Amino acid sequence: MRQLLRRMRREASVRDDVFYKQVTVRLYGKGVVERGTLKGIDIKTRPQLLACTGDLIMSRIDARNGAFGIIPESLNGALVTQDFPTFVIDPERILPEYLALLLKSDAFAEICRRASRGTTNRKRLNVIFFLEEAIPLPPREVQQQLLAFAADAYNAASDARLIANTADEIERNVCNLMLHL
């Protein structure tokens, strides 16, 4: 991972009178979301670190359970604690969209499990071990092709769900009509 990601620690100067967005990362690849907004005076954990659009972020506590994602633009400048390490992605080596797709894989979750240390319920991601892990990385052109294929598959699945939902709705309407005959 070291060739793709660079650990980034941007310490924030938290002012008491300013409101700050806070970030959390959902389990099982469900993404990065706003945890809430707090006034600086109410933020007790220090230091606070800045999250920036396009960074990879992970929960050290729950990375082994799929708690990682890419910081969206809506959370640029939000605050995180040291338990949420962030990484700058090298776009020359890996397309950020390709990495975002990889984050949803069982293989990526397994990398995080291998890089986590501690007792059963207190395992935390060790960033050094995580960065030592390697993933097979195709050339950028192949990454783009795989992204296009994934987008086509996603669209086909969405179309299939829409058709199934429409069929279910038609069936319900027919059943309701039958009850009124």
N, C-alpha and C. Protein backbone atom coordinates (compact mmCIF):
# COMPACT_ATOMS: atom_id res chain seq x y z
N MET A 1 0.82 -1.19 0.00
CA MET A 1 0.00 0.00 0.00
C MET A 1 0.87 1.26 0.00
N ARG A 2 2.08 1.11 0.51
CA ARG A 2 2.95 2.27 0.66
C ARG A 2 3.17 3.00 -0.66
N GLN A 3 3.16 2.28 -1.77
CA GLN A 3 3.36 2.93 -3.07
C GLN A 3 2.11 3.67 -3.54
N LEU A 4 0.96 3.41 -2.91
CA LEU A 4 -0.31 4.03 -3.32
C LEU A 4 -0.80 5.11 -2.37
N LEU A 5 -0.43 4.97 -1.10
CA LEU A 5 -1.00 5.83 -0.05
C LEU A 5 0.12 6.46 0.78
N ARG A 6 -0.13 7.68 1.21
CA ARG A 6 0.80 8.36 2.12
C ARG A 6 0.01 8.84 3.32
N ARG A 7 0.43 8.40 4.50
CA ARG A 7 -0.25 8.81 5.74
C ARG A 7 -0.18 10.32 5.87
N MET A 8 -1.31 10.94 6.23
CA MET A 8 -1.36 12.39 6.34
C MET A 8 -1.94 12.77 7.70
N ARG A 9 -1.21 13.58 8.43
CA ARG A 9 -1.67 14.11 9.73
C ARG A 9 -1.70 15.62 9.64
N ARG A 10 -2.89 16.18 9.47
CA ARG A 10 -3.06 17.63 9.41
C ARG A 10 -3.71 18.07 10.71
N GLU A 11 -2.92 18.57 11.65
CA GLU A 11 -3.50 19.00 12.93
C GLU A 11 -4.33 20.26 12.74
N ALA A 12 -5.50 20.25 13.36
CA ALA A 12 -6.42 21.39 13.26
C ALA A 12 -6.24 22.30 14.46
N SER A 13 -6.32 23.58 14.22
CA SER A 13 -6.37 24.57 15.31
C SER A 13 -7.84 24.80 15.61
N VAL A 14 -8.32 24.16 16.66
CA VAL A 14 -9.73 24.23 17.01
C VAL A 14 -9.99 25.49 17.83
N ARG A 15 -10.90 26.32 17.33
CA ARG A 15 -11.29 27.55 18.03
C ARG A 15 -12.60 27.30 18.78
N ASP A 16 -12.67 27.81 19.99
CA ASP A 16 -13.85 27.58 20.84
C ASP A 16 -15.15 28.07 20.23
N ASP A 17 -15.13 29.16 19.47
CA ASP A 17 -16.36 29.80 18.99
C ASP A 17 -16.79 29.35 17.59
N VAL A 18 -16.14 28.36 17.02
CA VAL A 18 -16.43 27.91 15.66
C VAL A 18 -17.09 26.53 15.71
N PHE A 19 -18.06 26.31 14.81
CA PHE A 19 -18.70 24.99 14.68
C PHE A 19 -17.91 24.16 13.67
N TYR A 20 -17.74 22.88 14.00
CA TYR A 20 -16.97 21.96 13.16
C TYR A 20 -17.78 20.70 12.86
N LYS A 21 -17.71 20.28 11.60
CA LYS A 21 -18.29 18.97 11.25
C LYS A 21 -17.35 17.90 11.76
N GLN A 22 -17.94 16.78 12.16
CA GLN A 22 -17.17 15.62 12.57
C GLN A 22 -17.53 14.45 11.68
N VAL A 23 -16.59 13.55 11.52
CA VAL A 23 -16.72 12.44 10.57
C VAL A 23 -16.81 11.12 11.32
N THR A 24 -17.57 10.21 10.77
CA THR A 24 -17.50 8.82 11.19
C THR A 24 -17.51 7.95 9.93
N VAL A 25 -17.08 6.73 10.10
CA VAL A 25 -16.98 5.80 8.98
C VAL A 25 -17.85 4.60 9.29
N ARG A 26 -18.78 4.32 8.40
CA ARG A 26 -19.71 3.20 8.62
C ARG A 26 -19.02 1.86 8.36
N LEU A 27 -19.53 0.85 9.02
CA LEU A 27 -19.01 -0.50 8.86
C LEU A 27 -19.39 -1.09 7.50
N TYR A 28 -18.67 -2.15 7.12
CA TYR A 28 -18.97 -2.97 5.95
C TYR A 28 -19.02 -2.19 4.65
N GLY A 29 -18.10 -1.23 4.51
CA GLY A 29 -17.98 -0.49 3.26
C GLY A 29 -19.13 0.46 2.96
N LYS A 30 -19.86 0.87 4.00
CA LYS A 30 -21.03 1.74 3.79
C LYS A 30 -20.67 3.21 3.70
N GLY A 31 -19.37 3.55 3.78
CA GLY A 31 -18.95 4.90 3.48
C GLY A 31 -18.68 5.82 4.65
N VAL A 32 -18.35 7.04 4.28
CA VAL A 32 -17.97 8.10 5.21
C VAL A 32 -19.13 9.07 5.32
N VAL A 33 -19.53 9.39 6.55
CA VAL A 33 -20.67 10.27 6.76
C VAL A 33 -20.36 11.27 7.87
N GLU A 34 -21.17 12.31 7.92
CA GLU A 34 -21.05 13.29 8.99
C GLU A 34 -21.62 12.69 10.27
N ARG A 35 -20.83 12.76 11.34
CA ARG A 35 -21.29 12.27 12.64
C ARG A 35 -22.12 13.32 13.34
N GLY A 36 -21.80 14.58 13.06
CA GLY A 36 -22.51 15.68 13.69
C GLY A 36 -21.68 16.94 13.60
N THR A 37 -22.19 18.00 14.20
CA THR A 37 -21.49 19.28 14.23
C THR A 37 -21.38 19.71 15.69
N LEU A 38 -20.18 20.11 16.07
CA LEU A 38 -19.94 20.56 17.44
C LEU A 38 -19.22 21.89 17.44
N LYS A 39 -19.52 22.69 18.45
CA LYS A 39 -18.79 23.93 18.66
C LYS A 39 -17.42 23.56 19.25
N GLY A 40 -16.40 24.27 18.84
CA GLY A 40 -15.04 23.96 19.26
C GLY A 40 -14.87 23.75 20.75
N ILE A 41 -15.55 24.58 21.55
CA ILE A 41 -15.42 24.47 23.01
C ILE A 41 -15.93 23.13 23.53
N ASP A 42 -16.82 22.48 22.76
CA ASP A 42 -17.40 21.20 23.18
C ASP A 42 -16.60 19.99 22.71
N ILE A 43 -15.54 20.21 21.93
CA ILE A 43 -14.71 19.11 21.44
C ILE A 43 -13.61 18.88 22.47
N LYS A 44 -13.66 17.74 23.12
CA LYS A 44 -12.75 17.47 24.24
C LYS A 44 -11.49 16.72 23.81
N THR A 45 -11.58 15.84 22.85
CA THR A 45 -10.43 15.04 22.44
C THR A 45 -9.46 15.89 21.62
N ARG A 46 -8.21 15.89 22.02
CA ARG A 46 -7.19 16.65 21.28
C ARG A 46 -6.00 15.73 21.04
N PRO A 47 -5.26 15.86 19.98
CA PRO A 47 -5.50 16.83 18.91
C PRO A 47 -6.60 16.35 17.99
N GLN A 48 -7.18 17.28 17.26
CA GLN A 48 -8.13 16.97 16.20
C GLN A 48 -7.37 17.11 14.87
N LEU A 49 -7.72 16.27 13.92
CA LEU A 49 -7.05 16.27 12.62
C LEU A 49 -8.06 16.63 11.54
N LEU A 50 -7.58 17.24 10.46
CA LEU A 50 -8.43 17.62 9.34
C LEU A 50 -8.57 16.47 8.35
N ALA A 51 -9.77 16.27 7.88
CA ALA A 51 -10.05 15.33 6.80
C ALA A 51 -10.22 16.16 5.53
N CYS A 52 -9.63 15.70 4.44
CA CYS A 52 -9.71 16.44 3.17
C CYS A 52 -10.32 15.59 2.08
N THR A 53 -11.07 16.24 1.21
CA THR A 53 -11.72 15.58 0.09
C THR A 53 -10.73 14.67 -0.64
N GLY A 54 -11.16 13.45 -0.91
CA GLY A 54 -10.35 12.51 -1.68
C GLY A 54 -9.41 11.67 -0.86
N ASP A 55 -9.25 11.98 0.44
CA ASP A 55 -8.40 11.16 1.30
C ASP A 55 -9.10 9.85 1.60
N LEU A 56 -8.30 8.80 1.76
CA LEU A 56 -8.80 7.55 2.32
C LEU A 56 -8.81 7.73 3.83
N ILE A 57 -9.89 7.35 4.48
CA ILE A 57 -9.98 7.40 5.93
C ILE A 57 -10.39 6.03 6.43
N MET A 58 -9.86 5.67 7.60
CA MET A 58 -10.17 4.37 8.20
C MET A 58 -10.43 4.55 9.68
N SER A 59 -11.23 3.69 10.22
CA SER A 59 -11.38 3.61 11.66
C SER A 59 -10.38 2.58 12.15
N ARG A 60 -9.44 2.98 12.99
CA ARG A 60 -8.45 2.03 13.50
C ARG A 60 -9.13 0.90 14.25
N ILE A 61 -10.24 1.20 14.93
CA ILE A 61 -10.93 0.20 15.73
C ILE A 61 -11.73 -0.76 14.85
N ASP A 62 -12.35 -0.25 13.81
CA ASP A 62 -13.25 -1.08 13.01
C ASP A 62 -12.84 -1.30 11.55
N ALA A 63 -11.59 -1.01 11.21
CA ALA A 63 -11.16 -1.24 9.83
C ALA A 63 -11.34 -2.70 9.44
N ARG A 64 -11.11 -3.60 10.39
CA ARG A 64 -11.24 -5.03 10.09
C ARG A 64 -12.69 -5.42 9.79
N ASN A 65 -13.62 -4.50 10.11
CA ASN A 65 -15.05 -4.72 9.83
C ASN A 65 -15.53 -3.82 8.69
N GLY A 66 -14.60 -3.37 7.87
CA GLY A 66 -14.98 -2.60 6.69
C GLY A 66 -15.23 -1.13 6.91
N ALA A 67 -14.71 -0.55 8.00
CA ALA A 67 -14.93 0.88 8.27
C ALA A 67 -13.82 1.71 7.64
N PHE A 68 -13.99 1.95 6.33
CA PHE A 68 -13.05 2.79 5.60
C PHE A 68 -13.79 3.38 4.42
N GLY A 69 -13.27 4.46 3.87
CA GLY A 69 -13.91 5.10 2.73
C GLY A 69 -13.12 6.32 2.29
N ILE A 70 -13.65 6.98 1.29
CA ILE A 70 -13.04 8.17 0.72
C ILE A 70 -13.82 9.39 1.23
N ILE A 71 -13.09 10.41 1.69
CA ILE A 71 -13.75 11.62 2.21
C ILE A 71 -14.45 12.35 1.05
N PRO A 72 -15.78 12.54 1.16
CA PRO A 72 -16.50 13.27 0.11
C PRO A 72 -16.27 14.78 0.25
N GLU A 73 -16.57 15.50 -0.80
CA GLU A 73 -16.38 16.95 -0.80
C GLU A 73 -17.17 17.62 0.32
N SER A 74 -18.33 17.07 0.66
CA SER A 74 -19.18 17.67 1.70
C SER A 74 -18.52 17.64 3.08
N LEU A 75 -17.49 16.82 3.26
CA LEU A 75 -16.82 16.71 4.56
C LEU A 75 -15.39 17.25 4.52
N ASN A 76 -15.06 17.99 3.47
CA ASN A 76 -13.74 18.59 3.39
C ASN A 76 -13.54 19.54 4.57
N GLY A 77 -12.45 19.36 5.30
CA GLY A 77 -12.16 20.22 6.44
C GLY A 77 -12.83 19.78 7.73
N ALA A 78 -13.56 18.67 7.70
CA ALA A 78 -14.17 18.15 8.92
C ALA A 78 -13.07 17.62 9.83
N LEU A 79 -13.43 17.42 11.10
CA LEU A 79 -12.45 16.98 12.09
C LEU A 79 -12.60 15.50 12.40
N VAL A 80 -11.44 14.88 12.67
CA VAL A 80 -11.39 13.48 13.09
C VAL A 80 -10.36 13.37 14.21
N THR A 81 -10.46 12.30 14.98
CA THR A 81 -9.47 12.03 16.03
C THR A 81 -8.37 11.15 15.44
N GLN A 82 -7.37 10.88 16.26
CA GLN A 82 -6.25 10.03 15.83
C GLN A 82 -6.68 8.60 15.55
N ASP A 83 -7.87 8.21 16.00
CA ASP A 83 -8.37 6.87 15.72
C ASP A 83 -8.90 6.73 14.30
N PHE A 84 -8.84 7.82 13.52
CA PHE A 84 -9.29 7.81 12.13
C PHE A 84 -8.14 8.30 11.23
N PRO A 85 -7.13 7.44 10.99
CA PRO A 85 -6.02 7.89 10.15
C PRO A 85 -6.50 8.18 8.72
N THR A 86 -5.88 9.19 8.13
CA THR A 86 -6.20 9.54 6.74
C THR A 86 -4.94 9.37 5.89
N PHE A 87 -5.19 9.11 4.60
CA PHE A 87 -4.12 8.84 3.66
C PHE A 87 -4.39 9.59 2.36
N VAL A 88 -3.36 10.19 1.81
CA VAL A 88 -3.45 10.81 0.49
C VAL A 88 -3.22 9.70 -0.53
N ILE A 89 -4.06 9.67 -1.55
CA ILE A 89 -3.99 8.65 -2.60
C ILE A 89 -3.12 9.18 -3.74
N ASP A 90 -2.20 8.35 -4.23
CA ASP A 90 -1.35 8.73 -5.37
C ASP A 90 -2.13 8.48 -6.66
N PRO A 91 -2.71 9.53 -7.27
CA PRO A 91 -3.55 9.34 -8.45
C PRO A 91 -2.76 8.91 -9.70
N GLU A 92 -1.45 9.01 -9.64
CA GLU A 92 -0.63 8.55 -10.77
C GLU A 92 -0.55 7.03 -10.80
N ARG A 93 -0.70 6.40 -9.64
CA ARG A 93 -0.59 4.94 -9.53
C ARG A 93 -1.95 4.25 -9.51
N ILE A 94 -2.92 4.89 -8.81
CA ILE A 94 -4.24 4.27 -8.68
C ILE A 94 -5.31 5.35 -8.81
N LEU A 95 -6.30 5.07 -9.62
CA LEU A 95 -7.42 6.00 -9.75
C LEU A 95 -8.21 5.97 -8.45
N PRO A 96 -8.51 7.13 -7.87
CA PRO A 96 -9.26 7.14 -6.61
C PRO A 96 -10.58 6.37 -6.71
N GLU A 97 -11.25 6.45 -7.87
CA GLU A 97 -12.50 5.72 -8.06
C GLU A 97 -12.27 4.21 -8.03
N TYR A 98 -11.11 3.79 -8.55
CA TYR A 98 -10.75 2.37 -8.54
C TYR A 98 -10.51 1.92 -7.10
N LEU A 99 -9.78 2.74 -6.33
CA LEU A 99 -9.56 2.41 -4.93
C LEU A 99 -10.90 2.36 -4.19
N ALA A 100 -11.79 3.30 -4.47
CA ALA A 100 -13.10 3.30 -3.82
C ALA A 100 -13.84 1.99 -4.10
N LEU A 101 -13.69 1.46 -5.31
CA LEU A 101 -14.31 0.18 -5.66
C LEU A 101 -13.63 -0.96 -4.90
N LEU A 102 -12.30 -0.92 -4.81
CA LEU A 102 -11.57 -1.95 -4.07
C LEU A 102 -11.96 -1.98 -2.59
N LEU A 103 -12.29 -0.82 -2.04
CA LEU A 103 -12.64 -0.75 -0.63
C LEU A 103 -13.86 -1.61 -0.31
N LYS A 104 -14.67 -1.89 -1.31
CA LYS A 104 -15.88 -2.69 -1.10
C LYS A 104 -15.62 -4.19 -1.16
N SER A 105 -14.38 -4.56 -1.45
CA SER A 105 -14.06 -5.98 -1.64
C SER A 105 -13.75 -6.68 -0.33
N ASP A 106 -14.00 -7.98 -0.31
CA ASP A 106 -13.62 -8.80 0.83
C ASP A 106 -12.11 -8.82 0.99
N ALA A 107 -11.39 -8.75 -0.12
CA ALA A 107 -9.92 -8.78 -0.07
C ALA A 107 -9.37 -7.58 0.69
N PHE A 108 -9.96 -6.40 0.50
CA PHE A 108 -9.48 -5.22 1.22
C PHE A 108 -9.77 -5.35 2.71
N ALA A 109 -10.95 -5.86 3.05
CA ALA A 109 -11.27 -6.08 4.46
C ALA A 109 -10.30 -7.08 5.08
N GLU A 110 -9.90 -8.08 4.32
CA GLU A 110 -8.94 -9.07 4.81
C GLU A 110 -7.58 -8.43 5.06
N ILE A 111 -7.16 -7.51 4.19
CA ILE A 111 -5.91 -6.78 4.41
C ILE A 111 -5.98 -6.05 5.75
N CYS A 112 -7.11 -5.41 6.03
CA CYS A 112 -7.27 -4.67 7.28
C CYS A 112 -7.28 -5.62 8.48
N ARG A 113 -7.88 -6.81 8.32
CA ARG A 113 -7.87 -7.78 9.42
C ARG A 113 -6.44 -8.23 9.73
N ARG A 114 -5.66 -8.49 8.67
CA ARG A 114 -4.27 -8.93 8.88
C ARG A 114 -3.43 -7.84 9.53
N ALA A 115 -3.75 -6.57 9.25
CA ALA A 115 -2.97 -5.45 9.78
C ALA A 115 -3.46 -4.99 11.15
N SER A 116 -4.46 -5.66 11.71
CA SER A 116 -5.00 -5.28 13.02
C SER A 116 -4.38 -6.14 14.10
N ARG A 117 -4.07 -5.51 15.22
CA ARG A 117 -3.41 -6.19 16.34
C ARG A 117 -4.17 -5.91 17.62
N GLY A 118 -4.10 -6.86 18.55
CA GLY A 118 -4.72 -6.70 19.86
C GLY A 118 -5.55 -7.91 20.21
N THR A 119 -6.21 -7.84 21.37
CA THR A 119 -7.07 -8.94 21.80
C THR A 119 -8.35 -8.93 20.99
N THR A 120 -9.09 -9.98 21.06
CA THR A 120 -10.24 -10.23 20.20
C THR A 120 -11.13 -9.02 19.97
N ASN A 121 -11.63 -8.40 21.03
CA ASN A 121 -12.57 -7.29 20.85
C ASN A 121 -11.91 -5.91 20.88
N ARG A 122 -10.59 -5.86 21.00
CA ARG A 122 -9.89 -4.58 21.07
C ARG A 122 -8.83 -4.46 19.97
N LYS A 123 -9.01 -5.16 18.88
CA LYS A 123 -8.04 -5.09 17.79
C LYS A 123 -8.11 -3.73 17.11
N ARG A 124 -6.93 -3.17 16.87
CA ARG A 124 -6.84 -1.87 16.20
C ARG A 124 -5.92 -2.02 15.00
N LEU A 125 -6.26 -1.28 13.95
CA LEU A 125 -5.43 -1.27 12.76
C LEU A 125 -4.06 -0.69 13.11
N ASN A 126 -3.01 -1.40 12.72
CA ASN A 126 -1.65 -0.89 12.85
C ASN A 126 -1.29 -0.31 11.48
N VAL A 127 -1.16 1.01 11.41
CA VAL A 127 -0.94 1.70 10.13
C VAL A 127 0.33 1.20 9.45
N ILE A 128 1.37 0.93 10.21
CA ILE A 128 2.63 0.46 9.63
C ILE A 128 2.41 -0.87 8.93
N PHE A 129 1.74 -1.81 9.61
CA PHE A 129 1.47 -3.11 8.99
C PHE A 129 0.54 -2.96 7.78
N PHE A 130 -0.44 -2.08 7.90
CA PHE A 130 -1.36 -1.84 6.78
C PHE A 130 -0.60 -1.36 5.54
N LEU A 131 0.29 -0.39 5.73
CA LEU A 131 1.03 0.16 4.60
C LEU A 131 2.00 -0.85 3.99
N GLU A 132 2.36 -1.88 4.74
CA GLU A 132 3.25 -2.93 4.21
C GLU A 132 2.50 -3.93 3.34
N GLU A 133 1.19 -3.96 3.43
CA GLU A 133 0.39 -4.88 2.61
C GLU A 133 0.48 -4.47 1.14
N ALA A 134 0.32 -5.45 0.27
CA ALA A 134 0.36 -5.18 -1.17
C ALA A 134 -0.95 -5.65 -1.80
N ILE A 135 -1.34 -4.95 -2.86
CA ILE A 135 -2.50 -5.38 -3.64
C ILE A 135 -2.07 -5.44 -5.10
N PRO A 136 -2.64 -6.37 -5.85
CA PRO A 136 -2.34 -6.39 -7.28
C PRO A 136 -2.92 -5.14 -7.93
N LEU A 137 -2.13 -4.47 -8.73
CA LEU A 137 -2.57 -3.20 -9.30
C LEU A 137 -2.37 -3.21 -10.81
N PRO A 138 -3.47 -3.26 -11.56
CA PRO A 138 -3.35 -3.22 -13.01
C PRO A 138 -2.98 -1.82 -13.48
N PRO A 139 -2.54 -1.68 -14.74
CA PRO A 139 -2.26 -0.34 -15.29
C PRO A 139 -3.51 0.53 -15.25
N ARG A 140 -3.31 1.84 -15.28
CA ARG A 140 -4.43 2.80 -15.20
C ARG A 140 -5.49 2.54 -16.27
N GLU A 141 -5.07 2.18 -17.48
CA GLU A 141 -6.04 1.93 -18.55
C GLU A 141 -6.96 0.77 -18.18
N VAL A 142 -6.38 -0.28 -17.58
CA VAL A 142 -7.18 -1.43 -17.16
C VAL A 142 -8.08 -1.03 -15.99
N GLN A 143 -7.56 -0.19 -15.08
CA GLN A 143 -8.40 0.31 -13.98
C GLN A 143 -9.63 1.02 -14.55
N GLN A 144 -9.43 1.85 -15.58
CA GLN A 144 -10.54 2.58 -16.20
C GLN A 144 -11.53 1.61 -16.83
N GLN A 145 -11.03 0.57 -17.49
CA GLN A 145 -11.91 -0.42 -18.11
C GLN A 145 -12.72 -1.17 -17.04
N LEU A 146 -12.05 -1.53 -15.94
CA LEU A 146 -12.76 -2.23 -14.87
C LEU A 146 -13.81 -1.33 -14.22
N LEU A 147 -13.51 -0.04 -14.08
CA LEU A 147 -14.50 0.90 -13.56
C LEU A 147 -15.70 1.00 -14.48
N ALA A 148 -15.46 1.05 -15.79
CA ALA A 148 -16.57 1.11 -16.75
C ALA A 148 -17.41 -0.16 -16.67
N PHE A 149 -16.73 -1.31 -16.56
CA PHE A 149 -17.45 -2.58 -16.44
C PHE A 149 -18.30 -2.59 -15.17
N ALA A 150 -17.71 -2.13 -14.05
CA ALA A 150 -18.45 -2.10 -12.78
C ALA A 150 -19.65 -1.16 -12.88
N ALA A 151 -19.47 -0.02 -13.54
CA ALA A 151 -20.59 0.92 -13.71
C ALA A 151 -21.70 0.29 -14.54
N ASP A 152 -21.34 -0.41 -15.61
CA ASP A 152 -22.35 -1.10 -16.43
C ASP A 152 -23.09 -2.15 -15.61
N ALA A 153 -22.34 -2.91 -14.80
CA ALA A 153 -22.97 -3.95 -13.97
C ALA A 153 -23.90 -3.31 -12.94
N TYR A 154 -23.46 -2.20 -12.34
CA TYR A 154 -24.30 -1.50 -11.37
C TYR A 154 -25.59 -1.01 -12.03
N ASN A 155 -25.46 -0.42 -13.22
CA ASN A 155 -26.64 0.08 -13.94
C ASN A 155 -27.58 -1.05 -14.30
N ALA A 156 -27.02 -2.18 -14.74
CA ALA A 156 -27.86 -3.34 -15.09
C ALA A 156 -28.59 -3.85 -13.85
N ALA A 157 -27.90 -3.89 -12.71
CA ALA A 157 -28.54 -4.34 -11.48
C ALA A 157 -29.63 -3.37 -11.05
N SER A 158 -29.37 -2.07 -11.21
CA SER A 158 -30.39 -1.06 -10.88
C SER A 158 -31.61 -1.22 -11.77
N ASP A 159 -31.37 -1.45 -13.06
CA ASP A 159 -32.49 -1.67 -13.99
C ASP A 159 -33.27 -2.92 -13.60
N ALA A 160 -32.57 -3.97 -13.22
CA ALA A 160 -33.24 -5.22 -12.82
C ALA A 160 -34.09 -5.00 -11.57
N ARG A 161 -33.55 -4.22 -10.59
CA ARG A 161 -34.33 -3.92 -9.38
C ARG A 161 -35.57 -3.11 -9.72
N LEU A 162 -35.42 -2.15 -10.63
CA LEU A 162 -36.56 -1.33 -11.04
C LEU A 162 -37.63 -2.19 -11.69
N ILE A 163 -37.22 -3.10 -12.57
CA ILE A 163 -38.17 -4.00 -13.23
C ILE A 163 -38.85 -4.89 -12.20
N ALA A 164 -38.08 -5.44 -11.25
CA ALA A 164 -38.66 -6.30 -10.21
C ALA A 164 -39.64 -5.52 -9.35
N ASN A 165 -39.28 -4.29 -8.97
CA ASN A 165 -40.19 -3.47 -8.16
C ASN A 165 -41.45 -3.13 -8.93
N THR A 166 -41.30 -2.84 -10.22
CA THR A 166 -42.47 -2.55 -11.06
C THR A 166 -43.36 -3.77 -11.17
N ALA A 167 -42.77 -4.95 -11.36
CA ALA A 167 -43.55 -6.19 -11.44
C ALA A 167 -44.28 -6.44 -10.13
N ASP A 168 -43.63 -6.21 -9.00
CA ASP A 168 -44.28 -6.39 -7.70
C ASP A 168 -45.45 -5.43 -7.54
N GLU A 169 -45.27 -4.19 -7.99
CA GLU A 169 -46.34 -3.20 -7.88
C GLU A 169 -47.52 -3.58 -8.77
N ILE A 170 -47.25 -4.05 -9.97
CA ILE A 170 -48.32 -4.49 -10.88
C ILE A 170 -49.08 -5.65 -10.25
N GLU A 171 -48.34 -6.59 -9.68
CA GLU A 171 -48.96 -7.75 -9.05
C GLU A 171 -49.87 -7.31 -7.89
N ARG A 172 -49.40 -6.38 -7.06
CA ARG A 172 -50.22 -5.87 -5.96
C ARG A 172 -51.49 -5.20 -6.48
N ASN A 173 -51.35 -4.40 -7.54
CA ASN A 173 -52.51 -3.71 -8.10
C ASN A 173 -53.51 -4.70 -8.67
N VAL A 174 -53.04 -5.75 -9.32
CA VAL A 174 -53.94 -6.78 -9.86
C VAL A 174 -54.66 -7.48 -8.71
N CYS A 175 -53.91 -7.79 -7.66
CA CYS A 175 -54.54 -8.45 -6.50
C CYS A 175 -55.60 -7.54 -5.86
N ASN A 176 -55.30 -6.24 -5.75
CA ASN A 176 -56.28 -5.31 -5.20
C ASN A 176 -57.51 -5.22 -6.10
N LEU A 177 -57.32 -5.22 -7.40
CA LEU A 177 -58.46 -5.19 -8.32
C LEU A 177 -59.29 -6.45 -8.17
N MET A 178 -58.64 -7.60 -8.02
CA MET A 178 -59.35 -8.86 -7.87
C MET A 178 -60.23 -8.85 -6.62
N LEU A 179 -59.78 -8.17 -5.58
CA LEU A 179 -60.56 -8.12 -4.34
C LEU A 179 -61.79 -7.26 -4.49
N HIS A 180 -61.82 -6.38 -5.49
CA HIS A 180 -62.96 -5.49 -5.69
C HIS A 180 -63.90 -5.95 -6.80
N LEU A 181 -63.71 -7.12 -7.31
CA LEU A 181 -64.59 -7.63 -8.38
C LEU A 181 -65.87 -8.18 -7.81
